[in-house]
């Protein structure tokens, strides 16, 4: 079928890190099916993602997941119009698995492929929800590897407003959690423990909170947590009871949310826009959602999030972003491919 018809069906493959995501999206109908396999249990033993293990696990999972969603959607492979895959950024080996499967399958089906920027997938994922934002809007991309504020005027029309100069917010969550002896993935574990904590017992820094720009920094916060924990250690053994760890977790989460909320408000004021989209894994944090809903609502604005299941890495966002681009006559039947472990979002255009 012509690639700009309403019936276009795009298969999305996400394999940038430690989650294998597959989805089918049809223009005019929406998401037909999606499936996700997370490697959290495997990497938990090592306290973080092991790239080689992640790549090998993607090899095992992708084809069974493709078969699963095709059955669930009751769509034969011959009806797929195009295949979108995460081209970067991410772990090189993991990206290669998804890219090679996507291009091999597309070659067999004689259909085009398109490489998608992982962050563009996150950026556009709230458009899958109801209600959805309308262009233009400000986007807060906040995850383990990225903390950025973007002005989004349309698909492929992204302007960087500010970003972290060192650690990302999700990284600060994860590293603080590790210092507190929590399991991987640390961010959700720290947020859960923080619910048991008390306010005001520990004062942690809010780096660049009043810097006058839209940049972020979280390395100083991580160092402050490390110092706090070491002061309560003996010969490397952490001497913290559960309540103390909960109180520190509360302070960590509060500090990160304070910075994110303040910068998001400043970005809306700077652009004159009244819609904020929050995307990426940290967007699932309930304190952040509550704070932003309250703060942005006070100024007459609205905050949009992807559904919780689409906050972390997933195939639905890749299928959706791919469908939008293929509908604009992008994608090609050229099955040579490369991946981009490092890839600036501003390098892509419609």
C-alpha atoms as a PDB file:
ATOM      1  CA  UNK A   1       0.000   0.000   0.000  1.00  0.00           C
ATOM      2  CA  UNK A   2       1.206   3.612  -0.436  1.00  0.00           C
ATOM      3  CA  UNK A   3       3.144   4.672   2.632  1.00  0.00           C
ATOM      4  CA  UNK A   4       0.892   7.655   3.396  1.00  0.00           C
ATOM      5  CA  UNK A   5      -2.410   5.752   3.546  1.00  0.00           C
ATOM      6  CA  UNK A   6      -4.385   5.527   6.804  1.00  0.00           C
ATOM      7  CA  UNK A   7      -3.946   1.748   6.967  1.00  0.00           C
ATOM      8  CA  UNK A   8      -0.145   1.846   7.214  1.00  0.00           C
ATOM      9  CA  UNK A   9       1.074  -0.717   9.803  1.00  0.00           C
ATOM     10  CA  UNK A  10       4.493  -0.180  11.379  1.00  0.00           C
ATOM     11  CA  UNK A  11       6.394  -2.753  13.399  1.00  0.00           C
ATOM     12  CA  UNK A  12       8.565  -1.141  16.097  1.00  0.00           C
ATOM     13  CA  UNK A  13      11.658  -2.737  17.651  1.00  0.00           C
ATOM     14  CA  UNK A  14      13.363  -1.255  20.720  1.00  0.00           C
ATOM     15  CA  UNK A  15      16.626  -2.764  21.979  1.00  0.00           C
ATOM     16  CA  UNK A  16      18.735   0.166  23.152  1.00  0.00           C
ATOM     17  CA  UNK A  17      19.587  -1.128  26.626  1.00  0.00           C
ATOM     18  CA  UNK A  18      18.092  -3.750  28.932  1.00  0.00           C
ATOM     19  CA  UNK A  19      14.513  -4.033  27.677  1.00  0.00           C
ATOM     20  CA  UNK A  20      13.284  -5.685  24.495  1.00  0.00           C
ATOM     21  CA  UNK A  21      10.172  -3.924  23.218  1.00  0.00           C
ATOM     22  CA  UNK A  22       8.083  -4.874  20.184  1.00  0.00           C
ATOM     23  CA  UNK A  23       4.878  -3.183  18.995  1.00  0.00           C
ATOM     24  CA  UNK A  24       2.508  -2.786  16.052  1.00  0.00           C
ATOM     25  CA  UNK A  25       0.998   0.613  15.272  1.00  0.00           C
ATOM     26  CA  UNK A  26      -1.555   1.306  12.529  1.00  0.00           C
ATOM     27  CA  UNK A  27      -2.301   4.792  11.236  1.00  0.00           C
ATOM     28  CA  UNK A  28      -5.947   5.568  11.832  1.00  0.00           C
ATOM     29  CA  UNK A  29      -6.416   2.811  14.413  1.00  0.00           C
ATOM     30  CA  UNK A  30      -3.607   3.282  16.904  1.00  0.00           C
ATOM     31  CA  UNK A  31      -1.602   0.718  18.842  1.00  0.00           C
ATOM     32  CA  UNK A  32      -2.584  -2.811  17.816  1.00  0.00           C
ATOM     33  CA  UNK A  33      -0.358  -4.794  20.192  1.00  0.00           C
ATOM     34  CA  UNK A  34       2.826  -4.424  22.182  1.00  0.00           C
ATOM     35  CA  UNK A  35       5.060  -6.598  24.351  1.00  0.00           C
ATOM     36  CA  UNK A  36       8.037  -5.905  26.581  1.00  0.00           C
ATOM     37  CA  UNK A  37      10.649  -8.131  28.160  1.00  0.00           C
ATOM     38  CA  UNK A  38      12.783  -6.562  30.879  1.00  0.00           C
ATOM     39  CA  UNK A  39      16.202  -7.857  31.907  1.00  0.00           C
ATOM     40  CA  UNK A  40      16.047  -6.328  35.390  1.00  0.00           C
ATOM     41  CA  UNK A  41      16.220  -9.661  37.217  1.00  0.00           C
ATOM     42  CA  UNK A  42      19.325 -10.718  35.269  1.00  0.00           C
ATOM     43  CA  UNK A  43      21.231  -7.458  35.779  1.00  0.00           C
ATOM     44  CA  UNK A  44      20.200  -7.097  39.425  1.00  0.00           C
ATOM     45  CA  UNK A  45      22.830  -9.685  40.338  1.00  0.00           C
ATOM     46  CA  UNK A  46      25.526  -7.319  39.028  1.00  0.00           C
ATOM     47  CA  UNK A  47      24.085  -4.066  40.340  1.00  0.00           C
ATOM     48  CA  UNK A  48      23.705  -2.588  36.868  1.00  0.00           C
ATOM     49  CA  UNK A  49      23.474  -3.361  33.170  1.00  0.00           C
ATOM     50  CA  UNK A  50      26.139  -5.675  31.725  1.00  0.00           C
ATOM     51  CA  UNK A  51      26.253  -4.757  28.004  1.00  0.00           C
ATOM     52  CA  UNK A  52      27.306  -8.179  26.689  1.00  0.00           C
ATOM     53  CA  UNK A  53      24.591  -9.967  28.641  1.00  0.00           C
ATOM     54  CA  UNK A  54      22.032  -7.402  27.487  1.00  0.00           C
ATOM     55  CA  UNK A  55      22.946  -7.951  23.829  1.00  0.00           C
ATOM     56  CA  UNK A  56      22.743 -11.727  24.098  1.00  0.00           C
ATOM     57  CA  UNK A  57      19.362 -11.548  25.793  1.00  0.00           C
ATOM     58  CA  UNK A  58      17.955  -9.347  23.019  1.00  0.00           C
ATOM     59  CA  UNK A  59      18.979 -12.069  20.554  1.00  0.00           C
ATOM     60  CA  UNK A  60      16.900 -14.590  22.498  1.00  0.00           C
ATOM     61  CA  UNK A  61      13.829 -12.385  22.966  1.00  0.00           C
ATOM     62  CA  UNK A  62      13.173 -10.398  19.789  1.00  0.00           C
ATOM     63  CA  UNK A  63      11.803 -13.073  17.440  1.00  0.00           C
ATOM     64  CA  UNK A  64       9.504 -14.708  20.043  1.00  0.00           C
ATOM     65  CA  UNK A  65       8.133 -11.274  20.956  1.00  0.00           C
ATOM     66  CA  UNK A  66       7.511 -10.411  17.302  1.00  0.00           C
ATOM     67  CA  UNK A  67       5.588 -13.652  16.889  1.00  0.00           C
ATOM     68  CA  UNK A  68       3.639 -12.923  20.086  1.00  0.00           C
ATOM     69  CA  UNK A  69       2.389  -9.496  19.038  1.00  0.00           C
ATOM     70  CA  UNK A  70       1.557 -10.676  15.520  1.00  0.00           C
ATOM     71  CA  UNK A  71      -0.685 -13.336  17.060  1.00  0.00           C
ATOM     72  CA  UNK A  72      -2.249 -10.886  19.514  1.00  0.00           C
ATOM     73  CA  UNK A  73      -2.993  -8.345  16.780  1.00  0.00           C
ATOM     74  CA  UNK A  74      -4.088 -11.080  14.365  1.00  0.00           C
ATOM     75  CA  UNK A  75      -1.986  -9.466  11.657  1.00  0.00           C
ATOM     76  CA  UNK A  76       0.104 -11.554   9.230  1.00  0.00           C
ATOM     77  CA  UNK A  77       3.649 -10.450   8.524  1.00  0.00           C
ATOM     78  CA  UNK A  78       2.676  -9.706   4.924  1.00  0.00           C
ATOM     79  CA  UNK A  79       0.478  -6.814   6.103  1.00  0.00           C
ATOM     80  CA  UNK A  80       3.332  -4.901   7.739  1.00  0.00           C
ATOM     81  CA  UNK A  81       4.076  -1.728   5.761  1.00  0.00           C
ATOM     82  CA  UNK A  82       7.410  -0.772   7.356  1.00  0.00           C
ATOM     83  CA  UNK A  83       9.713  -1.603  10.256  1.00  0.00           C
ATOM     84  CA  UNK A  84      11.069   1.023  12.657  1.00  0.00           C
ATOM     85  CA  UNK A  85      13.938   0.243  15.000  1.00  0.00           C
ATOM     86  CA  UNK A  86      15.973   2.126  17.574  1.00  0.00           C
ATOM     87  CA  UNK A  87      19.153   3.245  15.821  1.00  0.00           C
ATOM     88  CA  UNK A  88      20.567   5.077  18.845  1.00  0.00           C
ATOM     89  CA  UNK A  89      21.605   6.279  21.295  1.00  0.00           C
ATOM     90  CA  UNK A  90      22.227   3.260  23.517  1.00  0.00           C
ATOM     91  CA  UNK A  91      24.494   0.259  23.974  1.00  0.00           C
ATOM     92  CA  UNK A  92      26.206  -0.534  20.681  1.00  0.00           C
ATOM     93  CA  UNK A  93      25.774  -4.292  20.852  1.00  0.00           C
ATOM     94  CA  UNK A  94      22.150  -4.094  21.938  1.00  0.00           C
ATOM     95  CA  UNK A  95      21.323  -1.623  19.162  1.00  0.00           C
ATOM     96  CA  UNK A  96      22.944  -3.909  16.583  1.00  0.00           C
ATOM     97  CA  UNK A  97      20.658  -6.775  17.547  1.00  0.00           C
ATOM     98  CA  UNK A  98      17.493  -4.777  16.920  1.00  0.00           C
ATOM     99  CA  UNK A  99      18.846  -3.149  13.760  1.00  0.00           C
ATOM    100  CA  UNK A 100      19.951  -6.431  12.213  1.00  0.00           C
ATOM    101  CA  UNK A 101      16.656  -8.189  12.926  1.00  0.00           C
ATOM    102  CA  UNK A 102      14.658  -5.222  11.591  1.00  0.00           C
ATOM    103  CA  UNK A 103      16.594  -5.020   8.350  1.00  0.00           C
ATOM    104  CA  UNK A 104      16.718  -8.779   7.777  1.00  0.00           C
ATOM    105  CA  UNK A 105      12.967  -9.089   8.277  1.00  0.00           C
ATOM    106  CA  UNK A 106      12.251  -6.051   6.099  1.00  0.00           C
ATOM    107  CA  UNK A 107      14.469  -7.471   3.344  1.00  0.00           C
ATOM    108  CA  UNK A 108      12.540 -10.747   3.461  1.00  0.00           C
ATOM    109  CA  UNK A 109       9.223  -8.848   3.264  1.00  0.00           C
ATOM    110  CA  UNK A 110      10.465  -6.281   0.705  1.00  0.00           C
ATOM    111  CA  UNK A 111       9.351  -3.334   2.835  1.00  0.00           C
ATOM    112  CA  UNK A 112      11.219  -0.200   4.009  1.00  0.00           C
ATOM    113  CA  UNK A 113      12.958   0.310   7.330  1.00  0.00           C
ATOM    114  CA  UNK A 114      13.643   3.464   9.307  1.00  0.00           C
ATOM    115  CA  UNK A 115      16.028   4.052  12.195  1.00  0.00           C
ATOM    116  CA  UNK A 116      14.513   6.014  15.067  1.00  0.00           C
ATOM    117  CA  UNK A 117      16.228   8.164  17.678  1.00  0.00           C
ATOM    118  CA  UNK A 118      15.490   6.669  21.073  1.00  0.00           C
ATOM    119  CA  UNK A 119      14.791  10.044  22.645  1.00  0.00           C
ATOM    120  CA  UNK A 120      12.425  11.020  19.843  1.00  0.00           C
ATOM    121  CA  UNK A 121      10.436   7.925  20.760  1.00  0.00           C
ATOM    122  CA  UNK A 122      10.206   9.099  24.371  1.00  0.00           C
ATOM    123  CA  UNK A 123       9.496  12.656  23.272  1.00  0.00           C
ATOM    124  CA  UNK A 124       6.482  11.648  21.175  1.00  0.00           C
ATOM    125  CA  UNK A 125       5.173   8.861  23.438  1.00  0.00           C
ATOM    126  CA  UNK A 126       2.640  11.112  25.282  1.00  0.00           C
ATOM    127  CA  UNK A 127       0.880  11.533  21.926  1.00  0.00           C
ATOM    128  CA  UNK A 128      -0.217   7.913  22.342  1.00  0.00           C
ATOM    129  CA  UNK A 129      -2.260   8.868  25.407  1.00  0.00           C
ATOM    130  CA  UNK A 130      -5.686  10.441  25.724  1.00  0.00           C
ATOM    131  CA  UNK A 131      -5.755  13.371  26.168  1.00  0.00           C
ATOM    132  CA  UNK A 132      -2.656  14.105  24.129  1.00  0.00           C
ATOM    133  CA  UNK A 133      -0.730  17.381  23.888  1.00  0.00           C
ATOM    134  CA  UNK A 134      -0.762  19.518  20.763  1.00  0.00           C
ATOM    135  CA  UNK A 135       2.264  21.116  19.147  1.00  0.00           C
ATOM    136  CA  UNK A 136       4.035  23.250  20.233  1.00  0.00           C
ATOM    137  CA  UNK A 137       4.994  22.188  23.750  1.00  0.00           C
ATOM    138  CA  UNK A 138       7.946  22.012  26.124  1.00  0.00           C
ATOM    139  CA  UNK A 139       9.279  18.520  26.817  1.00  0.00           C
ATOM    140  CA  UNK A 140      11.191  17.416  29.888  1.00  0.00           C
ATOM    141  CA  UNK A 141      13.148  14.310  28.914  1.00  0.00           C
ATOM    142  CA  UNK A 142      14.300  12.737  32.131  1.00  0.00           C
ATOM    143  CA  UNK A 143      15.818   9.278  32.425  1.00  0.00           C
ATOM    144  CA  UNK A 144      18.874   7.384  33.590  1.00  0.00           C
ATOM    145  CA  UNK A 145      20.998   8.771  30.780  1.00  0.00           C
ATOM    146  CA  UNK A 146      19.335  12.040  29.831  1.00  0.00           C
ATOM    147  CA  UNK A 147      17.948  15.182  31.418  1.00  0.00           C
ATOM    148  CA  UNK A 148      16.943  17.753  28.808  1.00  0.00           C
ATOM    149  CA  UNK A 149      14.382  20.452  28.210  1.00  0.00           C
ATOM    150  CA  UNK A 150      13.259  20.735  24.601  1.00  0.00           C
ATOM    151  CA  UNK A 151      10.885  22.971  22.687  1.00  0.00           C
ATOM    152  CA  UNK A 152       8.879  20.758  20.342  1.00  0.00           C
ATOM    153  CA  UNK A 153       7.175  22.461  17.398  1.00  0.00           C
ATOM    154  CA  UNK A 154       6.399  19.277  15.484  1.00  0.00           C
ATOM    155  CA  UNK A 155       7.835  15.920  14.497  1.00  0.00           C
ATOM    156  CA  UNK A 156      11.519  16.485  13.814  1.00  0.00           C
ATOM    157  CA  UNK A 157      11.352  20.120  14.964  1.00  0.00           C
ATOM    158  CA  UNK A 158      13.199  20.133  18.273  1.00  0.00           C
ATOM    159  CA  UNK A 159      15.084  22.972  19.954  1.00  0.00           C
ATOM    160  CA  UNK A 160      17.301  22.254  22.951  1.00  0.00           C
ATOM    161  CA  UNK A 161      16.569  24.652  25.814  1.00  0.00           C
ATOM    162  CA  UNK A 162      18.824  23.140  28.446  1.00  0.00           C
ATOM    163  CA  UNK A 163      20.401  19.874  29.591  1.00  0.00           C
ATOM    164  CA  UNK A 164      22.518  18.354  32.312  1.00  0.00           C
ATOM    165  CA  UNK A 165      26.168  19.297  32.368  1.00  0.00           C
ATOM    166  CA  UNK A 166      27.084  16.054  34.154  1.00  0.00           C
ATOM    167  CA  UNK A 167      24.921  13.321  35.690  1.00  0.00           C
ATOM    168  CA  UNK A 168      21.321  12.837  34.595  1.00  0.00           C
ATOM    169  CA  UNK A 169      18.488  12.892  37.138  1.00  0.00           C
ATOM    170  CA  UNK A 170      17.873   9.175  36.735  1.00  0.00           C
ATOM    171  CA  UNK A 171      21.560   8.527  37.286  1.00  0.00           C
ATOM    172  CA  UNK A 172      21.417  10.531  40.519  1.00  0.00           C
ATOM    173  CA  UNK A 173      18.466   8.401  41.635  1.00  0.00           C
ATOM    174  CA  UNK A 174      20.258   5.152  40.757  1.00  0.00           C
ATOM    175  CA  UNK A 175      23.637   6.056  42.254  1.00  0.00           C
ATOM    176  CA  UNK A 176      22.068   7.354  45.461  1.00  0.00           C
ATOM    177  CA  UNK A 177      20.044   4.162  45.730  1.00  0.00           C
ATOM    178  CA  UNK A 178      23.202   2.089  45.355  1.00  0.00           C
ATOM    179  CA  UNK A 179      24.892   4.099  48.095  1.00  0.00           C
ATOM    180  CA  UNK A 180      21.911   3.277  50.323  1.00  0.00           C
ATOM    181  CA  UNK A 181      22.290  -0.424  49.593  1.00  0.00           C
ATOM    182  CA  UNK A 182      19.175  -0.715  47.418  1.00  0.00           C
ATOM    183  CA  UNK A 183      18.792  -3.178  44.571  1.00  0.00           C
ATOM    184  CA  UNK A 184      18.937  -2.379  40.851  1.00  0.00           C
ATOM    185  CA  UNK A 185      17.093  -0.588  39.307  1.00  0.00           C
ATOM    186  CA  UNK A 186      17.701   1.980  41.992  1.00  0.00           C
ATOM    187  CA  UNK A 187      15.327   4.808  41.052  1.00  0.00           C
ATOM    188  CA  UNK A 188      12.036   2.991  41.715  1.00  0.00           C
ATOM    189  CA  UNK A 189      13.516   1.351  44.822  1.00  0.00           C
ATOM    190  CA  UNK A 190      14.586   4.714  46.234  1.00  0.00           C
ATOM    191  CA  UNK A 191      11.171   6.267  45.528  1.00  0.00           C
ATOM    192  CA  UNK A 192       9.470   3.378  47.302  1.00  0.00           C
ATOM    193  CA  UNK A 193      11.738   3.692  50.340  1.00  0.00           C
ATOM    194  CA  UNK A 194      11.294   7.488  50.385  1.00  0.00           C
ATOM    195  CA  UNK A 195       7.585   6.964  51.067  1.00  0.00           C
ATOM    196  CA  UNK A 196       8.634   5.797  54.555  1.00  0.00           C
ATOM    197  CA  UNK A 197      10.864   8.815  55.166  1.00  0.00           C
ATOM    198  CA  UNK A 198      10.376  12.075  57.024  1.00  0.00           C
ATOM    199  CA  UNK A 199      10.847  15.582  55.695  1.00  0.00           C
ATOM    200  CA  UNK A 200      13.476  18.031  56.887  1.00  0.00           C
ATOM    201  CA  UNK A 201      15.915  15.654  58.580  1.00  0.00           C
ATOM    202  CA  UNK A 202      18.638  15.951  55.937  1.00  0.00           C
ATOM    203  CA  UNK A 203      19.467  18.988  53.831  1.00  0.00           C
ATOM    204  CA  UNK A 204      20.879  18.141  50.424  1.00  0.00           C
ATOM    205  CA  UNK A 205      22.006  20.559  47.701  1.00  0.00           C
ATOM    206  CA  UNK A 206      19.873  21.589  44.721  1.00  0.00           C
ATOM    207  CA  UNK A 207      22.623  22.170  42.137  1.00  0.00           C
ATOM    208  CA  UNK A 208      22.009  25.016  39.675  1.00  0.00           C
ATOM    209  CA  UNK A 209      18.518  25.610  41.059  1.00  0.00           C
ATOM    210  CA  UNK A 210      19.017  29.383  40.792  1.00  0.00           C
ATOM    211  CA  UNK A 211      21.531  29.433  37.924  1.00  0.00           C
ATOM    212  CA  UNK A 212      19.321  31.657  35.799  1.00  0.00           C
ATOM    213  CA  UNK A 213      19.412  29.239  32.862  1.00  0.00           C
ATOM    214  CA  UNK A 214      17.833  25.903  31.971  1.00  0.00           C
ATOM    215  CA  UNK A 215      20.872  23.729  32.610  1.00  0.00           C
ATOM    216  CA  UNK A 216      20.985  20.908  35.171  1.00  0.00           C
ATOM    217  CA  UNK A 217      23.658  19.328  37.354  1.00  0.00           C
ATOM    218  CA  UNK A 218      23.279  16.354  39.672  1.00  0.00           C
ATOM    219  CA  UNK A 219      26.864  15.241  40.365  1.00  0.00           C
ATOM    220  CA  UNK A 220      27.089  17.480  43.442  1.00  0.00           C
ATOM    221  CA  UNK A 221      23.950  15.915  44.862  1.00  0.00           C
ATOM    222  CA  UNK A 222      25.372  12.440  44.350  1.00  0.00           C
ATOM    223  CA  UNK A 223      28.602  13.481  46.103  1.00  0.00           C
ATOM    224  CA  UNK A 224      26.630  14.928  49.026  1.00  0.00           C
ATOM    225  CA  UNK A 225      24.762  11.639  49.453  1.00  0.00           C
ATOM    226  CA  UNK A 226      28.041   9.727  49.314  1.00  0.00           C
ATOM    227  CA  UNK A 227      29.511  11.959  52.037  1.00  0.00           C
ATOM    228  CA  UNK A 228      26.394  11.579  54.170  1.00  0.00           C
ATOM    229  CA  UNK A 229      26.513   7.792  53.939  1.00  0.00           C
ATOM    230  CA  UNK A 230      30.267   7.557  54.560  1.00  0.00           C
ATOM    231  CA  UNK A 231      29.909   9.625  57.729  1.00  0.00           C
ATOM    232  CA  UNK A 232      27.710   6.804  58.983  1.00  0.00           C
ATOM    233  CA  UNK A 233      30.028   3.984  57.970  1.00  0.00           C
ATOM    234  CA  UNK A 234      32.714   2.031  59.797  1.00  0.00           C
ATOM    235  CA  UNK A 235      35.566   0.482  57.789  1.00  0.00           C
ATOM    236  CA  UNK A 236      33.397   0.535  54.687  1.00  0.00           C
ATOM    237  CA  UNK A 237      30.384  -1.020  56.393  1.00  0.00           C
ATOM    238  CA  UNK A 238      27.309   1.191  56.113  1.00  0.00           C
ATOM    239  CA  UNK A 239      25.711   1.647  59.540  1.00  0.00           C
ATOM    240  CA  UNK A 240      22.247   2.836  58.546  1.00  0.00           C
ATOM    241  CA  UNK A 241      19.011   1.427  59.858  1.00  0.00           C
ATOM    242  CA  UNK A 242      16.000   1.302  57.568  1.00  0.00           C
ATOM    243  CA  UNK A 243      14.412   4.488  58.901  1.00  0.00           C
ATOM    244  CA  UNK A 244      17.617   6.484  58.409  1.00  0.00           C
ATOM    245  CA  UNK A 245      17.947   5.211  54.874  1.00  0.00           C
ATOM    246  CA  UNK A 246      14.307   6.110  54.246  1.00  0.00           C
ATOM    247  CA  UNK A 247      14.868   9.639  55.559  1.00  0.00           C
ATOM    248  CA  UNK A 248      17.892  10.087  53.297  1.00  0.00           C
ATOM    249  CA  UNK A 249      15.937   8.670  50.347  1.00  0.00           C
ATOM    250  CA  UNK A 250      13.195  11.206  51.040  1.00  0.00           C
ATOM    251  CA  UNK A 251      15.753  14.031  50.957  1.00  0.00           C
ATOM    252  CA  UNK A 252      17.302  12.760  47.713  1.00  0.00           C
ATOM    253  CA  UNK A 253      13.981  12.481  45.926  1.00  0.00           C
ATOM    254  CA  UNK A 254      12.842  15.888  47.172  1.00  0.00           C
ATOM    255  CA  UNK A 255      16.065  17.560  45.980  1.00  0.00           C
ATOM    256  CA  UNK A 256      15.830  16.063  42.482  1.00  0.00           C
ATOM    257  CA  UNK A 257      12.139  16.890  42.118  1.00  0.00           C
ATOM    258  CA  UNK A 258      12.700  20.471  43.330  1.00  0.00           C
ATOM    259  CA  UNK A 259      15.265  21.052  40.586  1.00  0.00           C
ATOM    260  CA  UNK A 260      13.238  19.399  37.821  1.00  0.00           C
ATOM    261  CA  UNK A 261      10.061  21.257  38.741  1.00  0.00           C
ATOM    262  CA  UNK A 262      11.783  24.649  38.992  1.00  0.00           C
ATOM    263  CA  UNK A 263      13.534  24.257  35.632  1.00  0.00           C
ATOM    264  CA  UNK A 264      10.338  23.033  33.949  1.00  0.00           C
ATOM    265  CA  UNK A 265       8.453  26.099  35.182  1.00  0.00           C
ATOM    266  CA  UNK A 266      11.273  28.327  33.951  1.00  0.00           C
ATOM    267  CA  UNK A 267      11.214  26.657  30.510  1.00  0.00           C
ATOM    268  CA  UNK A 268       7.501  27.348  30.110  1.00  0.00           C
ATOM    269  CA  UNK A 269       8.007  30.960  31.144  1.00  0.00           C
ATOM    270  CA  UNK A 270      10.948  31.299  28.757  1.00  0.00           C
ATOM    271  CA  UNK A 271       9.022  29.951  25.754  1.00  0.00           C
ATOM    272  CA  UNK A 272       5.632  31.411  26.599  1.00  0.00           C
ATOM    273  CA  UNK A 273       4.049  27.977  26.153  1.00  0.00           C
ATOM    274  CA  UNK A 274       1.553  26.373  28.522  1.00  0.00           C
ATOM    275  CA  UNK A 275       1.942  22.645  27.771  1.00  0.00           C
ATOM    276  CA  UNK A 276       4.619  20.497  29.407  1.00  0.00           C
ATOM    277  CA  UNK A 277       5.300  16.932  28.307  1.00  0.00           C
ATOM    278  CA  UNK A 278       7.277  14.723  30.681  1.00  0.00           C
ATOM    279  CA  UNK A 279       8.871  11.646  29.132  1.00  0.00           C
ATOM    280  CA  UNK A 280      11.442   9.047  30.137  1.00  0.00           C
ATOM    281  CA  UNK A 281      11.685   6.630  33.037  1.00  0.00           C
ATOM    282  CA  UNK A 282      11.851   9.270  35.791  1.00  0.00           C
ATOM    283  CA  UNK A 283       8.523  10.567  34.474  1.00  0.00           C
ATOM    284  CA  UNK A 284       6.914   7.669  36.339  1.00  0.00           C
ATOM    285  CA  UNK A 285       7.981   9.152  39.681  1.00  0.00           C
ATOM    286  CA  UNK A 286       4.799  10.004  41.585  1.00  0.00           C
ATOM    287  CA  UNK A 287       6.248  12.917  43.583  1.00  0.00           C
ATOM    288  CA  UNK A 288       7.445  14.536  40.360  1.00  0.00           C
ATOM    289  CA  UNK A 289       4.011  14.079  38.788  1.00  0.00           C
ATOM    290  CA  UNK A 290       2.245  15.557  41.801  1.00  0.00           C
ATOM    291  CA  UNK A 291       4.604  18.547  42.012  1.00  0.00           C
ATOM    292  CA  UNK A 292       4.420  19.367  38.321  1.00  0.00           C
ATOM    293  CA  UNK A 293       0.658  18.983  38.181  1.00  0.00           C
ATOM    294  CA  UNK A 294       0.354  21.429  41.081  1.00  0.00           C
ATOM    295  CA  UNK A 295       2.989  23.927  39.956  1.00  0.00           C
ATOM    296  CA  UNK A 296       2.081  24.035  36.269  1.00  0.00           C
ATOM    297  CA  UNK A 297      -1.624  24.037  37.054  1.00  0.00           C
ATOM    298  CA  UNK A 298      -1.187  27.182  39.169  1.00  0.00           C
ATOM    299  CA  UNK A 299       0.020  29.086  36.123  1.00  0.00           C
ATOM    300  CA  UNK A 300      -2.819  27.803  33.932  1.00  0.00           C
ATOM    301  CA  UNK A 301      -0.754  25.189  32.141  1.00  0.00           C
ATOM    302  CA  UNK A 302      -1.192  21.478  31.547  1.00  0.00           C
ATOM    303  CA  UNK A 303       1.163  18.547  32.060  1.00  0.00           C
ATOM    304  CA  UNK A 304       1.085  15.440  29.874  1.00  0.00           C
ATOM    305  CA  UNK A 305       2.701  12.065  30.489  1.00  0.00           C
ATOM    306  CA  UNK A 306       2.835   8.818  28.569  1.00  0.00           C
ATOM    307  CA  UNK A 307       0.920   5.993  30.214  1.00  0.00           C
ATOM    308  CA  UNK A 308       3.032   4.422  32.957  1.00  0.00           C
ATOM    309  CA  UNK A 309       3.768   1.355  30.837  1.00  0.00           C
ATOM    310  CA  UNK A 310       5.301   3.638  28.190  1.00  0.00           C
ATOM    311  CA  UNK A 311       7.503   5.722  30.518  1.00  0.00           C
ATOM    312  CA  UNK A 312      10.375   3.251  30.350  1.00  0.00           C
ATOM    313  CA  UNK A 313      11.866   1.922  27.110  1.00  0.00           C
ATOM    314  CA  UNK A 314       9.235   0.246  24.931  1.00  0.00           C
ATOM    315  CA  UNK A 315       8.429  -0.737  21.379  1.00  0.00           C
ATOM    316  CA  UNK A 316       5.211   1.289  21.186  1.00  0.00           C
ATOM    317  CA  UNK A 317       7.037   4.615  21.120  1.00  0.00           C
ATOM    318  CA  UNK A 318       9.365   3.379  18.358  1.00  0.00           C
ATOM    319  CA  UNK A 319       6.487   2.018  16.262  1.00  0.00           C
ATOM    320  CA  UNK A 320       4.596   5.298  16.698  1.00  0.00           C
ATOM    321  CA  UNK A 321       7.558   7.546  15.866  1.00  0.00           C
ATOM    322  CA  UNK A 322       8.337   5.314  12.904  1.00  0.00           C
ATOM    323  CA  UNK A 323       4.750   5.482  11.643  1.00  0.00           C
ATOM    324  CA  UNK A 324       4.801   9.290  11.741  1.00  0.00           C
ATOM    325  CA  UNK A 325       8.016   9.435   9.777  1.00  0.00           C
ATOM    326  CA  UNK A 326       7.118   6.731   7.262  1.00  0.00           C
ATOM    327  CA  UNK A 327       3.821   8.546   6.624  1.00  0.00           C
ATOM    328  CA  UNK A 328       5.965  11.497   5.538  1.00  0.00           C
ATOM    329  CA  UNK A 329       7.640   9.302   2.902  1.00  0.00           C
ATOM    330  CA  UNK A 330      10.695   8.510   5.002  1.00  0.00           C
ATOM    331  CA  UNK A 331      12.225   5.049   5.220  1.00  0.00           C
ATOM    332  CA  UNK A 332      13.987   3.112   2.484  1.00  0.00           C
ATOM    333  CA  UNK A 333      14.521  -0.340   1.069  1.00  0.00           C
ATOM    334  CA  UNK A 334      18.252  -0.059   1.637  1.00  0.00           C
ATOM    335  CA  UNK A 335      19.103  -2.733   4.132  1.00  0.00           C
ATOM    336  CA  UNK A 336      22.634  -1.586   4.881  1.00  0.00           C
ATOM    337  CA  UNK A 337      22.544  -0.188   8.389  1.00  0.00           C
ATOM    338  CA  UNK A 338      24.595   1.326  11.162  1.00  0.00           C
ATOM    339  CA  UNK A 339      23.839   2.201  14.764  1.00  0.00           C
ATOM    340  CA  UNK A 340      24.627   5.367  16.697  1.00  0.00           C
ATOM    341  CA  UNK A 341      25.452   4.732  20.359  1.00  0.00           C
ATOM    342  CA  UNK A 342      25.939   8.494  20.698  1.00  0.00           C
ATOM    343  CA  UNK A 343      23.455  10.623  18.777  1.00  0.00           C
ATOM    344  CA  UNK A 344      22.386  14.200  19.421  1.00  0.00           C
ATOM    345  CA  UNK A 345      18.620  14.604  19.098  1.00  0.00           C
ATOM    346  CA  UNK A 346      19.073  17.933  17.334  1.00  0.00           C
ATOM    347  CA  UNK A 347      20.822  16.158  14.466  1.00  0.00           C
ATOM    348  CA  UNK A 348      17.542  14.647  13.284  1.00  0.00           C
ATOM    349  CA  UNK A 349      14.916  16.425  11.179  1.00  0.00           C
ATOM    350  CA  UNK A 350      11.635  15.461   9.584  1.00  0.00           C
END
